[in-house]
N, C-alpha and C. Protein backbone atom coordinates (compact mmCIF):
# COMPACT_ATOMS: atom_id res chain seq x y z
N MET A 1 17.01 -2.57 -11.28
CA MET A 1 16.35 -2.19 -12.51
C MET A 1 15.29 -1.22 -12.05
N GLY A 2 14.84 -0.05 -12.90
CA GLY A 2 13.83 0.47 -12.72
C GLY A 2 12.85 0.78 -13.59
N ILE A 3 11.81 0.94 -13.60
CA ILE A 3 10.59 1.58 -14.65
C ILE A 3 10.04 2.77 -14.13
N GLY A 4 10.01 3.80 -14.89
CA GLY A 4 9.39 5.07 -14.31
C GLY A 4 10.64 5.87 -14.27
N GLY A 5 10.37 7.09 -13.19
CA GLY A 5 11.59 7.97 -12.96
C GLY A 5 10.90 9.11 -12.82
N GLY A 6 11.41 10.36 -13.74
CA GLY A 6 11.13 11.18 -13.56
C GLY A 6 12.29 12.21 -13.05
N ASN A 7 12.08 13.30 -12.75
CA ASN A 7 13.09 14.10 -12.32
C ASN A 7 13.41 14.03 -10.63
N PRO A 8 14.95 13.98 -10.49
CA PRO A 8 14.99 13.84 -9.00
C PRO A 8 14.30 15.17 -8.33
N LEU A 9 13.95 14.66 -7.06
CA LEU A 9 13.32 15.69 -6.26
C LEU A 9 14.28 16.46 -5.22
N SER A 10 13.62 17.38 -4.42
CA SER A 10 14.25 17.87 -3.57
C SER A 10 15.04 17.17 -2.48
N ALA A 11 15.78 17.66 -1.79
CA ALA A 11 16.85 16.95 -0.82
C ALA A 11 15.94 16.73 0.43
N ARG A 12 14.81 17.30 0.38
CA ARG A 12 14.11 16.87 1.53
C ARG A 12 12.59 15.94 1.20
N SER A 13 12.64 15.22 0.07
CA SER A 13 11.60 14.35 -0.37
C SER A 13 11.49 13.37 0.63
N ARG A 14 10.38 12.81 0.89
CA ARG A 14 10.06 11.67 1.77
C ARG A 14 9.54 10.74 0.83
N ALA A 15 9.56 9.35 1.15
CA ALA A 15 9.06 8.28 0.28
C ALA A 15 8.48 7.27 1.09
N VAL A 16 7.59 6.38 0.70
CA VAL A 16 7.13 5.39 1.20
C VAL A 16 7.77 4.16 0.04
N PHE A 17 8.63 3.37 0.69
CA PHE A 17 8.91 2.32 -0.13
C PHE A 17 7.79 1.00 0.14
N LEU A 18 7.51 0.35 -1.10
CA LEU A 18 6.57 -0.79 -0.77
C LEU A 18 7.27 -1.97 -1.66
N ASP A 19 7.05 -3.17 -0.88
CA ASP A 19 7.19 -4.35 -1.57
C ASP A 19 5.98 -4.55 -2.48
N ARG A 20 6.24 -5.49 -3.31
CA ARG A 20 5.16 -5.66 -4.52
C ARG A 20 4.09 -6.62 -3.80
N ASP A 21 4.69 -7.91 -3.79
CA ASP A 21 3.54 -9.26 -3.56
C ASP A 21 3.42 -8.97 -2.22
N GLY A 22 1.86 -8.95 -1.76
CA GLY A 22 1.44 -8.70 -0.57
C GLY A 22 1.19 -7.57 0.03
N VAL A 23 1.78 -6.68 -0.77
CA VAL A 23 1.60 -5.10 -0.27
C VAL A 23 0.77 -4.60 -1.40
N LEU A 24 0.95 -4.53 -2.49
CA LEU A 24 0.15 -3.96 -3.76
C LEU A 24 -0.83 -5.06 -4.25
N ASN A 25 -0.05 -6.05 -4.42
CA ASN A 25 -1.02 -7.19 -5.20
C ASN A 25 -0.88 -8.46 -4.16
N GLU A 26 -2.11 -9.18 -4.49
CA GLU A 26 -2.12 -10.12 -3.76
C GLU A 26 -1.01 -11.29 -4.09
N ALA A 27 -0.47 -12.13 -3.18
CA ALA A 27 0.76 -13.00 -3.10
C ALA A 27 -0.26 -14.41 -2.97
N LEU A 28 0.48 -15.15 -3.82
CA LEU A 28 -0.16 -16.51 -3.84
C LEU A 28 0.39 -17.42 -2.86
N VAL A 29 -0.21 -17.81 -1.91
CA VAL A 29 0.37 -18.66 -0.67
C VAL A 29 -0.23 -20.29 -0.91
N ARG A 30 1.19 -20.82 -0.84
CA ARG A 30 1.21 -22.24 -0.74
C ARG A 30 1.99 -22.67 0.40
N ASP A 31 1.08 -23.79 1.08
CA ASP A 31 1.98 -24.52 2.08
C ASP A 31 2.44 -23.09 3.45
N GLY A 32 1.61 -21.84 3.29
CA GLY A 32 1.94 -21.01 4.47
C GLY A 32 3.01 -19.99 3.94
N ARG A 33 3.58 -20.18 2.70
CA ARG A 33 4.34 -19.40 2.05
C ARG A 33 3.86 -18.46 0.91
N PRO A 34 4.30 -17.34 0.73
CA PRO A 34 3.88 -16.40 -0.27
C PRO A 34 4.66 -16.45 -1.56
N TYR A 35 4.15 -16.44 -2.84
CA TYR A 35 4.80 -16.43 -4.04
C TYR A 35 4.16 -15.54 -4.66
N PRO A 36 5.01 -14.85 -5.77
CA PRO A 36 4.45 -14.01 -6.64
C PRO A 36 3.18 -14.38 -7.95
N PRO A 37 2.60 -13.79 -8.28
CA PRO A 37 1.65 -14.16 -9.41
C PRO A 37 2.64 -14.63 -10.49
N PRO A 38 2.40 -15.66 -11.29
CA PRO A 38 3.17 -16.14 -12.52
C PRO A 38 3.14 -15.51 -13.58
N THR A 39 1.45 -15.09 -13.95
CA THR A 39 1.30 -14.20 -15.13
C THR A 39 0.28 -13.11 -14.86
N LEU A 40 0.42 -12.00 -15.75
CA LEU A 40 -0.27 -11.08 -15.60
C LEU A 40 -1.59 -11.50 -15.37
N SER A 41 -2.37 -12.50 -15.89
CA SER A 41 -3.92 -12.67 -15.43
C SER A 41 -4.06 -13.08 -13.95
N ASP A 42 -2.95 -13.63 -13.17
CA ASP A 42 -3.06 -13.90 -11.93
C ASP A 42 -2.62 -12.83 -11.10
N LEU A 43 -2.23 -11.42 -11.64
CA LEU A 43 -1.99 -10.41 -10.87
C LEU A 43 -3.17 -9.60 -10.50
N ARG A 44 -3.77 -9.59 -9.01
CA ARG A 44 -4.72 -9.06 -8.30
C ARG A 44 -4.33 -7.95 -7.49
N ILE A 45 -5.00 -6.51 -7.56
CA ILE A 45 -4.69 -5.83 -6.63
C ILE A 45 -5.39 -5.74 -5.61
N ILE A 46 -4.82 -5.53 -4.25
CA ILE A 46 -5.57 -5.71 -3.02
C ILE A 46 -6.42 -4.78 -2.85
N ASP A 47 -7.72 -4.88 -2.34
CA ASP A 47 -8.63 -3.96 -2.17
C ASP A 47 -8.05 -2.95 -1.19
N GLY A 48 -8.40 -1.58 -1.55
CA GLY A 48 -8.12 -0.53 -0.71
C GLY A 48 -6.55 0.21 -1.19
N VAL A 49 -5.74 -0.63 -1.92
CA VAL A 49 -4.42 0.04 -2.18
C VAL A 49 -4.78 1.05 -3.19
N PRO A 50 -5.24 1.16 -4.13
CA PRO A 50 -5.30 2.38 -5.04
C PRO A 50 -5.58 3.63 -4.16
N ALA A 51 -6.63 3.58 -3.22
CA ALA A 51 -7.22 4.70 -2.45
C ALA A 51 -5.97 4.97 -1.32
N GLY A 52 -5.31 4.10 -0.78
CA GLY A 52 -4.65 4.29 0.16
C GLY A 52 -3.03 5.09 -0.40
N LEU A 53 -2.59 4.46 -1.58
CA LEU A 53 -1.57 4.90 -2.29
C LEU A 53 -2.03 6.46 -2.67
N ALA A 54 -3.28 6.86 -3.30
CA ALA A 54 -3.65 8.23 -3.50
C ALA A 54 -3.38 8.94 -2.27
N ARG A 55 -3.80 8.62 -1.30
CA ARG A 55 -3.83 9.30 -0.04
C ARG A 55 -2.48 9.55 0.52
N LEU A 56 -1.26 8.61 0.48
CA LEU A 56 -0.05 8.96 0.57
C LEU A 56 0.60 9.88 -0.47
N LYS A 57 0.10 9.74 -1.68
CA LYS A 57 0.45 10.90 -2.59
C LYS A 57 0.02 12.40 -2.51
N GLU A 58 -1.00 12.43 -1.99
CA GLU A 58 -1.65 13.65 -1.51
C GLU A 58 -0.85 14.51 -0.23
N LEU A 59 -0.15 13.32 0.53
CA LEU A 59 0.55 13.85 1.50
C LEU A 59 1.99 13.97 1.00
N GLY A 60 2.25 14.06 -0.09
CA GLY A 60 3.51 14.50 -1.03
C GLY A 60 4.68 13.08 -0.77
N TYR A 61 4.29 12.07 -0.47
CA TYR A 61 5.25 11.07 -0.51
C TYR A 61 5.77 10.67 -1.77
N VAL A 62 6.88 10.17 -2.21
CA VAL A 62 7.22 9.61 -3.46
C VAL A 62 6.93 7.94 -3.01
N LEU A 63 6.30 7.32 -4.27
CA LEU A 63 6.08 6.06 -3.80
C LEU A 63 6.93 5.07 -4.72
N LEU A 64 7.80 4.35 -4.07
CA LEU A 64 8.51 3.63 -4.78
C LEU A 64 8.32 2.02 -4.56
N VAL A 65 8.34 1.38 -5.53
CA VAL A 65 8.16 -0.08 -5.19
C VAL A 65 9.50 -0.74 -5.42
N VAL A 66 9.81 -1.43 -4.03
CA VAL A 66 11.29 -2.33 -4.14
C VAL A 66 10.94 -3.83 -3.93
N THR A 67 11.20 -4.58 -5.05
CA THR A 67 10.84 -5.96 -5.05
C THR A 67 11.78 -6.82 -5.62
N ASN A 68 12.03 -7.93 -4.76
CA ASN A 68 12.80 -8.99 -5.04
C ASN A 68 12.11 -9.74 -6.22
N GLN A 69 12.68 -10.38 -7.25
CA GLN A 69 12.03 -11.30 -8.11
C GLN A 69 13.12 -12.42 -8.47
N PRO A 70 13.28 -13.16 -7.63
CA PRO A 70 14.61 -14.25 -7.99
C PRO A 70 14.01 -15.15 -8.97
N ASP A 71 12.76 -15.27 -9.13
CA ASP A 71 12.38 -16.20 -10.19
C ASP A 71 12.87 -15.94 -11.61
N VAL A 72 13.49 -14.75 -11.90
CA VAL A 72 14.35 -14.19 -13.15
C VAL A 72 15.42 -15.05 -13.12
N ALA A 73 16.37 -15.10 -12.01
CA ALA A 73 17.66 -15.74 -12.01
C ALA A 73 17.24 -17.25 -11.76
N ARG A 74 15.99 -17.73 -11.44
CA ARG A 74 15.98 -19.23 -11.33
C ARG A 74 15.42 -19.93 -12.69
N GLY A 75 15.07 -18.98 -13.74
CA GLY A 75 14.73 -19.22 -15.07
C GLY A 75 13.27 -19.51 -15.16
N THR A 76 12.54 -19.25 -13.93
CA THR A 76 11.06 -19.65 -14.03
C THR A 76 10.17 -18.34 -14.28
N GLN A 77 10.57 -17.45 -14.35
CA GLN A 77 10.01 -15.83 -15.04
C GLN A 77 11.13 -15.37 -15.62
N THR A 78 10.53 -14.29 -16.78
CA THR A 78 11.08 -13.54 -17.38
C THR A 78 11.06 -12.16 -16.85
N MET A 79 12.14 -11.27 -17.51
CA MET A 79 12.21 -9.74 -17.03
C MET A 79 10.91 -8.94 -17.75
N ALA A 80 10.64 -9.61 -19.10
CA ALA A 80 9.71 -9.03 -19.87
C ALA A 80 8.30 -9.28 -19.10
N ALA A 81 7.86 -10.43 -18.71
CA ALA A 81 6.65 -10.47 -17.86
C ALA A 81 6.86 -9.56 -16.51
N ILE A 82 7.49 -9.59 -15.97
CA ILE A 82 7.68 -8.59 -14.54
C ILE A 82 7.51 -7.33 -15.09
N ASP A 83 8.15 -6.71 -16.30
CA ASP A 83 7.88 -5.34 -16.69
C ASP A 83 6.28 -5.33 -17.16
N GLU A 84 6.08 -6.33 -17.59
CA GLU A 84 4.59 -6.17 -18.09
C GLU A 84 3.66 -5.87 -16.97
N MET A 85 3.78 -6.71 -15.89
CA MET A 85 2.98 -6.64 -14.26
C MET A 85 3.08 -5.25 -14.21
N HIS A 86 4.34 -4.43 -13.95
CA HIS A 86 4.70 -3.30 -13.42
C HIS A 86 4.05 -2.26 -14.34
N ARG A 87 4.04 -2.55 -15.71
CA ARG A 87 3.16 -1.33 -16.38
C ARG A 87 1.77 -1.39 -16.10
N THR A 88 1.03 -2.46 -15.93
CA THR A 88 -0.09 -2.89 -15.40
C THR A 88 -0.45 -1.90 -14.21
N LEU A 89 0.59 -2.43 -13.18
CA LEU A 89 0.19 -1.81 -11.87
C LEU A 89 0.43 -0.37 -11.89
N GLY A 90 1.53 0.25 -12.76
CA GLY A 90 1.76 1.65 -13.04
C GLY A 90 0.50 2.38 -13.44
N GLU A 91 -0.34 1.60 -14.40
CA GLU A 91 -1.49 2.36 -15.11
C GLU A 91 -2.61 2.45 -13.84
N ARG A 92 -2.67 1.65 -13.06
CA ARG A 92 -3.75 1.64 -12.16
C ARG A 92 -3.39 2.19 -10.77
N LEU A 93 -1.98 2.29 -10.27
CA LEU A 93 -1.76 3.02 -9.08
C LEU A 93 -0.58 3.91 -9.31
N PRO A 94 -0.67 5.07 -8.12
CA PRO A 94 0.27 6.08 -8.32
C PRO A 94 1.42 5.75 -7.94
N VAL A 95 2.15 4.99 -8.45
CA VAL A 95 3.75 4.67 -7.99
C VAL A 95 4.28 5.41 -9.11
N ASP A 96 5.56 6.01 -8.17
CA ASP A 96 6.49 6.66 -9.20
C ASP A 96 7.36 5.94 -9.77
N GLU A 97 7.93 4.69 -9.10
CA GLU A 97 9.06 3.92 -9.86
C GLU A 97 8.99 2.62 -9.23
N PHE A 98 9.20 1.47 -10.33
CA PHE A 98 9.25 0.17 -9.97
C PHE A 98 10.73 -0.16 -9.81
N LEU A 99 11.14 -0.73 -8.82
CA LEU A 99 12.76 -1.06 -8.85
C LEU A 99 12.71 -2.90 -8.64
N VAL A 100 13.55 -3.27 -9.25
CA VAL A 100 13.33 -4.74 -9.16
C VAL A 100 15.16 -5.43 -8.95
N CYS A 101 14.90 -6.21 -8.11
CA CYS A 101 16.22 -7.21 -7.96
C CYS A 101 15.87 -8.62 -8.57
N PRO A 102 16.29 -8.89 -9.79
CA PRO A 102 16.24 -10.03 -10.49
C PRO A 102 17.00 -11.16 -9.80
N HIS A 103 17.86 -11.10 -8.81
CA HIS A 103 18.89 -12.12 -8.47
C HIS A 103 18.21 -12.84 -7.28
N ASP A 104 19.14 -14.21 -7.28
CA ASP A 104 18.90 -15.02 -6.17
C ASP A 104 19.90 -14.95 -4.87
N ASP A 105 19.64 -15.31 -3.85
CA ASP A 105 20.50 -15.41 -2.81
C ASP A 105 21.75 -15.48 -3.09
N GLY A 106 22.34 -16.63 -3.58
CA GLY A 106 23.65 -17.09 -4.32
C GLY A 106 24.31 -16.04 -4.83
N GLU A 107 23.82 -15.10 -5.42
CA GLU A 107 24.44 -14.14 -6.36
C GLU A 107 25.01 -13.06 -5.37
N GLN A 108 24.45 -12.79 -4.18
CA GLN A 108 24.92 -11.78 -3.01
C GLN A 108 25.18 -10.66 -3.70
N CYS A 109 24.00 -10.13 -4.54
CA CYS A 109 24.15 -8.73 -4.99
C CYS A 109 23.62 -7.78 -3.82
N ARG A 110 23.98 -6.74 -3.81
CA ARG A 110 23.59 -5.67 -2.86
C ARG A 110 22.12 -5.02 -2.84
N CYS A 111 21.52 -5.51 -3.98
CA CYS A 111 20.12 -4.83 -4.26
C CYS A 111 19.21 -6.05 -3.77
N ARG A 112 19.56 -7.00 -3.36
CA ARG A 112 18.45 -8.11 -2.85
C ARG A 112 18.09 -7.98 -1.42
N LYS A 113 16.89 -7.59 -1.15
CA LYS A 113 16.66 -7.46 0.39
C LYS A 113 16.82 -8.86 0.90
N PRO A 114 17.23 -8.91 2.07
CA PRO A 114 17.49 -7.62 2.96
C PRO A 114 18.57 -6.72 2.97
N LEU A 115 19.33 -6.94 1.98
CA LEU A 115 20.46 -5.74 1.92
C LEU A 115 19.44 -4.53 1.21
N PRO A 116 19.96 -3.27 1.81
CA PRO A 116 19.31 -2.11 1.34
C PRO A 116 19.55 -1.35 0.01
N GLY A 117 20.22 -2.00 -1.10
CA GLY A 117 20.71 -1.24 -2.09
C GLY A 117 19.81 -0.72 -2.92
N LEU A 118 18.56 -1.20 -2.61
CA LEU A 118 17.57 -0.73 -3.76
C LEU A 118 17.21 0.54 -3.34
N LEU A 119 16.74 0.80 -2.05
CA LEU A 119 16.32 1.89 -1.02
C LEU A 119 17.53 2.76 -1.26
N LEU A 120 18.60 2.66 -1.07
CA LEU A 120 19.89 3.32 -1.05
C LEU A 120 20.05 4.18 -2.17
N ASP A 121 20.07 3.34 -3.51
CA ASP A 121 20.29 3.93 -4.67
C ASP A 121 19.04 4.69 -5.18
N ALA A 122 17.97 4.49 -4.75
CA ALA A 122 16.71 5.21 -5.24
C ALA A 122 16.66 6.43 -4.27
N ALA A 123 17.08 6.55 -3.06
CA ALA A 123 17.26 7.46 -2.19
C ALA A 123 18.44 8.69 -2.73
N SER A 124 19.49 7.99 -3.10
CA SER A 124 20.41 8.84 -3.91
C SER A 124 20.02 9.78 -5.09
N ARG A 125 19.62 8.85 -5.88
CA ARG A 125 19.11 9.35 -7.20
C ARG A 125 18.17 10.70 -7.18
N ARG A 126 16.89 10.29 -6.02
CA ARG A 126 16.07 11.13 -5.64
C ARG A 126 15.96 12.09 -4.71
N GLY A 127 17.01 12.24 -3.99
CA GLY A 127 17.31 12.99 -2.88
C GLY A 127 16.21 12.88 -1.73
N ILE A 128 16.21 11.73 -1.52
CA ILE A 128 15.13 11.04 -0.26
C ILE A 128 15.49 11.19 1.07
N ASP A 129 14.93 11.83 2.08
CA ASP A 129 15.43 11.81 3.40
C ASP A 129 14.81 10.46 3.96
N LEU A 130 15.95 9.33 4.09
CA LEU A 130 15.57 8.14 4.49
C LEU A 130 14.94 7.99 5.77
N GLY A 131 15.43 8.97 6.74
CA GLY A 131 15.01 9.14 8.17
C GLY A 131 13.45 9.56 8.17
N GLN A 132 13.10 10.22 7.31
CA GLN A 132 11.56 10.47 7.19
C GLN A 132 10.83 9.65 5.98
N SER A 133 11.44 8.46 5.92
CA SER A 133 10.46 7.51 4.83
C SER A 133 10.29 6.28 5.40
N PHE A 134 9.49 5.52 4.89
CA PHE A 134 8.84 4.26 5.36
C PHE A 134 9.17 3.10 4.39
N MET A 135 9.40 1.75 5.02
CA MET A 135 9.33 0.83 4.16
C MET A 135 8.26 -0.23 4.61
N VAL A 136 7.43 -0.52 3.69
CA VAL A 136 6.12 -1.20 4.02
C VAL A 136 6.35 -2.78 3.16
N GLY A 137 6.27 -3.72 4.27
CA GLY A 137 6.49 -5.09 3.40
C GLY A 137 5.63 -6.12 4.22
N ASP A 138 5.71 -7.50 3.76
CA ASP A 138 5.11 -8.43 4.25
C ASP A 138 5.92 -9.69 4.74
N ARG A 139 7.09 -9.34 4.69
CA ARG A 139 8.11 -10.28 4.94
C ARG A 139 9.30 -9.85 5.59
N TRP A 140 9.99 -10.70 6.40
CA TRP A 140 11.28 -10.07 7.17
C TRP A 140 12.31 -9.55 6.26
N ARG A 141 12.39 -9.84 4.78
CA ARG A 141 13.36 -9.05 4.11
C ARG A 141 13.19 -7.74 3.96
N ASP A 142 11.82 -7.41 3.79
CA ASP A 142 11.34 -6.00 3.75
C ASP A 142 11.77 -5.35 5.00
N VAL A 143 11.25 -5.53 6.00
CA VAL A 143 11.58 -4.88 7.51
C VAL A 143 13.32 -4.59 7.61
N ASP A 144 13.94 -5.93 7.63
CA ASP A 144 15.30 -5.66 7.43
C ASP A 144 15.98 -4.80 6.61
N ALA A 145 15.62 -4.62 5.31
CA ALA A 145 16.19 -3.82 4.49
C ALA A 145 15.88 -2.28 4.53
N GLY A 146 14.42 -2.11 4.89
CA GLY A 146 14.04 -0.73 5.62
C GLY A 146 14.69 -0.29 6.72
N ARG A 147 15.09 -1.17 7.77
CA ARG A 147 15.82 -0.75 9.18
C ARG A 147 17.19 -0.35 8.54
N ALA A 148 18.00 -1.19 7.69
CA ALA A 148 19.21 -1.00 7.22
C ALA A 148 19.42 0.30 6.56
N ALA A 149 18.41 0.65 5.89
CA ALA A 149 18.42 1.85 4.94
C ALA A 149 18.07 3.20 5.90
N GLY A 150 17.77 2.95 7.07
CA GLY A 150 17.39 4.02 7.95
C GLY A 150 15.83 4.46 8.12
N CYS A 151 15.04 3.68 7.38
CA CYS A 151 13.70 3.86 7.51
C CYS A 151 13.00 3.48 8.73
N ARG A 152 11.75 4.07 8.80
CA ARG A 152 10.73 3.39 9.63
C ARG A 152 10.19 2.30 9.07
N THR A 153 9.76 1.33 9.48
CA THR A 153 9.48 0.27 8.87
C THR A 153 7.84 -0.19 9.59
N VAL A 154 7.17 -0.73 8.46
CA VAL A 154 5.56 -1.33 8.75
C VAL A 154 5.68 -2.82 8.32
N PHE A 155 5.32 -3.53 8.99
CA PHE A 155 5.34 -4.98 8.70
C PHE A 155 3.99 -5.61 8.65
N ILE A 156 3.50 -5.78 7.45
CA ILE A 156 2.26 -6.55 7.22
C ILE A 156 2.40 -8.00 7.42
N ASP A 157 1.83 -8.37 8.91
CA ASP A 157 1.86 -9.54 9.40
C ASP A 157 0.73 -10.52 8.85
N TYR A 158 0.89 -11.46 8.00
CA TYR A 158 0.06 -12.19 7.33
C TYR A 158 0.11 -13.58 8.09
N GLY A 159 0.96 -13.78 8.78
CA GLY A 159 1.35 -15.22 9.56
C GLY A 159 1.90 -16.09 8.60
N TYR A 160 2.62 -15.85 7.62
CA TYR A 160 3.36 -16.58 6.72
C TYR A 160 4.16 -17.68 7.89
N ARG A 161 4.62 -18.87 7.09
CA ARG A 161 5.37 -19.81 7.81
C ARG A 161 6.84 -19.65 7.48
N GLU A 162 7.35 -18.43 8.19
CA GLU A 162 8.56 -18.50 7.74
C GLU A 162 9.09 -17.50 8.85
N ARG A 163 10.43 -17.17 8.85
CA ARG A 163 10.82 -16.65 10.10
C ARG A 163 10.44 -14.89 10.09
N GLY A 164 10.51 -14.47 11.22
CA GLY A 164 10.07 -12.82 11.50
C GLY A 164 11.31 -12.12 11.04
N PRO A 165 11.22 -10.63 11.02
CA PRO A 165 12.09 -9.76 10.87
C PRO A 165 13.13 -10.01 12.09
N SER A 166 14.24 -9.63 11.84
CA SER A 166 15.47 -9.49 12.64
C SER A 166 15.40 -8.29 13.69
N VAL A 167 14.79 -7.30 13.35
CA VAL A 167 14.39 -6.17 14.36
C VAL A 167 12.96 -6.04 14.42
N GLU A 168 12.41 -5.56 15.55
CA GLU A 168 11.08 -5.26 15.68
C GLU A 168 10.82 -4.04 14.82
N PRO A 169 9.76 -4.37 13.98
CA PRO A 169 9.19 -3.01 13.07
C PRO A 169 8.81 -1.90 13.93
N ASP A 170 8.67 -0.76 13.22
CA ASP A 170 7.95 0.24 13.77
C ASP A 170 6.49 0.12 14.16
N ALA A 171 5.90 -0.71 13.25
CA ALA A 171 4.60 -1.09 13.21
C ALA A 171 4.07 -2.36 12.72
N ARG A 172 3.25 -3.06 13.27
CA ARG A 172 2.87 -4.53 12.85
C ARG A 172 1.52 -4.35 12.41
N VAL A 173 1.09 -4.54 11.21
CA VAL A 173 -0.40 -4.20 11.08
C VAL A 173 -0.76 -5.69 10.38
N LYS A 174 -2.16 -5.71 9.94
CA LYS A 174 -2.86 -6.80 9.07
C LYS A 174 -3.09 -6.73 7.76
N SER A 175 -2.91 -5.30 7.13
CA SER A 175 -3.33 -5.32 5.84
C SER A 175 -2.78 -3.99 5.36
N PRO A 176 -2.56 -4.03 4.21
CA PRO A 176 -1.94 -2.60 3.62
C PRO A 176 -2.88 -1.32 3.69
N ALA A 177 -4.05 -1.58 4.22
CA ALA A 177 -4.92 -0.33 4.53
C ALA A 177 -4.79 0.09 5.82
N GLU A 178 -4.19 -0.81 6.76
CA GLU A 178 -3.81 -0.46 8.32
C GLU A 178 -2.34 0.17 8.07
N ALA A 179 -1.80 -0.20 7.36
CA ALA A 179 -0.12 0.19 6.81
C ALA A 179 -0.49 1.70 6.58
N VAL A 180 -1.23 2.17 5.76
CA VAL A 180 -1.42 3.58 5.20
C VAL A 180 -2.19 4.23 6.60
N GLU A 181 -2.69 3.62 7.34
CA GLU A 181 -3.59 4.48 8.49
C GLU A 181 -2.36 5.04 9.49
N TRP A 182 -1.34 3.64 9.80
CA TRP A 182 -0.54 4.01 10.58
C TRP A 182 0.52 5.13 10.06
N ILE A 183 1.01 5.02 8.78
CA ILE A 183 1.86 6.20 8.06
C ILE A 183 1.15 7.61 8.28
N VAL A 184 -0.24 7.74 8.16
CA VAL A 184 -0.74 9.02 8.02
C VAL A 184 -1.05 9.45 9.54
N GLY A 185 -1.09 8.30 10.49
CA GLY A 185 -1.19 8.81 11.76
C GLY A 185 0.38 9.51 12.41
N GLN A 186 1.53 8.79 11.76
CA GLN A 186 2.65 9.40 11.99
C GLN A 186 2.87 10.94 11.57
N GLU A 187 2.28 11.11 10.19
CA GLU A 187 2.35 12.40 9.58
C GLU A 187 1.46 13.23 10.74
N ASN A 188 0.41 12.86 11.15
CA ASN A 188 -0.56 13.90 11.97
C ASN A 188 0.14 14.20 13.23
N ASN A 189 0.83 13.11 13.81
CA ASN A 189 1.48 13.36 15.09
C ASN A 189 2.85 14.40 15.10
N GLU A 190 3.24 14.26 13.58
CA GLU A 190 4.51 15.21 13.43
C GLU A 190 4.24 16.45 13.32
N ARG A 191 3.00 16.77 12.95
CA ARG A 191 2.53 18.02 12.60
C ARG A 191 2.22 18.86 13.81
N TYR A 192 1.72 18.20 15.01
CA TYR A 192 1.15 18.55 16.06
C TYR A 192 1.90 18.28 17.26
């Protein structure tokens, strides 16, 4: 399910796929595990994210949020509340589209990360070259989905008490700002 859109881009488009909680906005950490903000009033954009995303936009990247929101399937969150959070984030951040998997693991859908369905569908619709794109996330599911889609991966390692990625990410950083710096560095290396 996506909010936003626009016209499909040329076949040579590049994207930065971004997880939401812990990458754009603060995750609520309880017992070492991250959780999404339950309400709009709990939504806090991480310092430096607006400037970092603006920098990536200036470099020509399509910015796509790909987020698992299983609380919808679990009945503890509504799609309307998630859509409202995405409208608010979209007003403050230069994101091109928000793509949501509202399913839980038991539903075995292809859009729930670590499966790459959200990334592959967006790439197909928008003409994105996945080999020239990045997936930025703070959980193993993000890295595994990005790798399965053929993207370079950036893992924001907050030290959560959960398993790590199945494959080593291309970069391991401590913040969204460091993730942007690494991507910009890759861009500069490829130019010269």
